[in-house]
Amino acid sequence: MEVVNALGRRKSAVARVFVSEGTGKITINKRDLAEYFPSTILQFVVKQPLVKLGAAEKYDIKVNLYGGGFTGQSQALRLAIARALVKINPEDKKELRAEGFMTRDAREVERKKPGRPKARRKFQFSKR
């Protein structure tokens, strides 16, 4: 198997993933997964598609990850890994889709409007 690449996005985070056969090592921006995401919850989120397919020890994954915060980054990475796994084996798509790993979460931050303190919030009003 040659290297398979895929892209995942969430909020302003972008994850580019390169999957090759190996022992289950995940490297993010030249750092180990546990070093990059110290939180076990975020590590769990990243590994969800691999665990679902029982492929956690089959592939080495190299990741370029930038933009956003740590939660958005972990979810972008989950999408990218799921997309790469479907490129490797298209039969897995139905299983990953059922868990919601194939869906791009399109929610973005709404821009701040002029004459308002935030996107929709209005300045405090008093009749006096």
Foldseek 3Di string as FASTA:
>chain_A
DAWFWFWFFFAFKIKIKTKDFAFQWEAEPNHGPCVVPVDVVLVCLLCVLCVLVVNNGTIYMYMYMDDDDSNRRSLRNLLGVNVRVCVVPVVCVVVCVVVVSPDHPPDYAAAADPQAPGNPHHPDDDPD
